[in-house]
Amino acid sequence: MVKICCIGAGYVGGPTMAVIALKCPDIEVAVVDISVPRINAWNSDQLPIYEPGLDDVVKQCRGKNLFFSTDVEKHVREADIVFVSVN
């Protein structure tokens, strides 16, 4: 299985990776960030950002092929492709 890691769980990284996970179910997508509250929000029912339809996309993929984590080193090391989506 191809693994993607995105560093940065903000307005670009989170939604972009959620759509990649939805459209490419055979790819494992990990979104990582050093912000524990931000990752906790992505793993909750109250996402940290709003985009129309994003909630449904995340709920469909999270825990299947979409994961949100603060373990940056692990996911970068395991990834075949790394996206950097930070300020």
Protein backbone atom coordinates (compact mmCIF):
# COMPACT_ATOMS: atom_id res chain seq x y z
CA MET A 1 0.00 0.00 0.00
CA VAL A 2 1.27 3.45 -0.89
CA LYS A 3 1.56 5.76 2.12
CA ILE A 4 1.25 9.53 2.02
CA CYS A 5 2.14 11.82 4.89
CA CYS A 6 1.14 15.45 5.04
CA ILE A 7 2.94 17.70 7.51
CA GLY A 8 0.44 20.35 8.57
CA ALA A 9 -3.19 19.79 9.61
CA GLY A 10 -4.48 23.25 8.74
CA TYR A 11 -6.72 24.74 6.08
CA VAL A 12 -4.76 23.20 3.19
CA GLY A 13 -3.35 19.92 4.51
CA GLY A 14 -6.42 18.56 6.26
CA PRO A 15 -9.03 19.01 3.53
CA THR A 16 -6.66 18.12 0.68
CA MET A 17 -5.59 14.87 2.30
CA ALA A 18 -9.18 14.01 3.24
CA VAL A 19 -10.19 14.23 -0.43
CA ILE A 20 -7.16 12.20 -1.53
CA ALA A 21 -8.16 9.53 1.02
CA LEU A 22 -11.74 9.55 -0.27
CA LYS A 23 -10.80 9.34 -3.94
CA CYS A 24 -7.91 6.88 -3.47
CA PRO A 25 -9.06 4.26 -0.95
CA ASP A 26 -5.99 2.09 -1.61
CA ILE A 27 -3.65 4.84 -0.36
CA GLU A 28 -3.02 5.30 3.36
CA VAL A 29 -2.99 9.00 4.25
CA ALA A 30 -1.56 10.36 7.50
CA VAL A 31 -1.93 14.03 8.39
CA VAL A 32 0.56 15.04 11.08
CA ASP A 33 0.99 18.18 13.14
CA ILE A 34 2.85 19.13 16.32
CA SER A 35 -0.32 20.77 17.68
CA VAL A 36 -2.05 18.27 19.97
CA PRO A 37 -5.30 20.32 20.15
CA ARG A 38 -5.48 20.53 16.36
CA ILE A 39 -4.97 16.77 15.89
CA ASN A 40 -7.47 16.05 18.67
CA ALA A 41 -10.00 18.23 16.84
CA TRP A 42 -9.46 16.34 13.57
CA ASN A 43 -10.07 13.11 15.48
CA SER A 44 -13.30 14.44 17.03
CA ASP A 45 -16.78 15.30 15.81
CA GLN A 46 -15.86 19.02 15.82
CA LEU A 47 -13.34 19.51 13.02
CA PRO A 48 -11.00 22.49 13.47
CA ILE A 49 -12.06 24.04 10.15
CA TYR A 50 -15.23 24.23 8.10
CA GLU A 51 -15.55 23.41 4.43
CA PRO A 52 -18.86 22.31 2.91
CA GLY A 53 -19.00 18.50 2.92
CA LEU A 54 -15.67 18.06 4.70
CA ASP A 55 -17.25 16.55 7.80
CA ASP A 56 -18.79 13.73 5.75
CA VAL A 57 -15.57 13.06 3.85
CA VAL A 58 -13.53 12.82 7.06
CA LYS A 59 -16.11 10.57 8.73
CA GLN A 60 -16.10 8.22 5.72
CA CYS A 61 -12.31 7.82 5.68
CA ARG A 62 -11.00 8.45 9.19
CA GLY A 63 -9.73 5.26 10.78
CA LYS A 64 -9.81 3.43 7.46
CA ASN A 65 -7.21 5.07 5.23
CA LEU A 66 -7.13 8.57 6.77
CA PHE A 67 -5.32 9.16 10.05
CA PHE A 68 -4.47 12.26 12.08
CA SER A 69 -1.45 12.08 14.38
CA THR A 70 1.18 14.04 16.28
CA ASP A 71 3.79 11.33 15.60
CA VAL A 72 5.48 13.30 12.83
CA GLU A 73 8.73 11.31 12.70
CA LYS A 74 7.01 7.90 12.44
CA HIS A 75 4.70 8.88 9.59
CA VAL A 76 7.37 10.77 7.64
CA ARG A 77 9.70 7.77 7.96
CA GLU A 78 7.02 5.33 6.73
CA ALA A 79 5.73 7.51 3.88
CA ASP A 80 6.35 6.99 0.18
CA ILE A 81 5.30 10.59 -0.49
CA VAL A 82 5.51 13.55 1.89
CA PHE A 83 3.58 16.79 1.42
CA VAL A 84 4.57 19.87 3.41
CA SER A 85 1.61 22.12 4.10
CA VAL A 86 2.74 24.65 6.70
CA ASN A 87 3.09 28.43 6.92
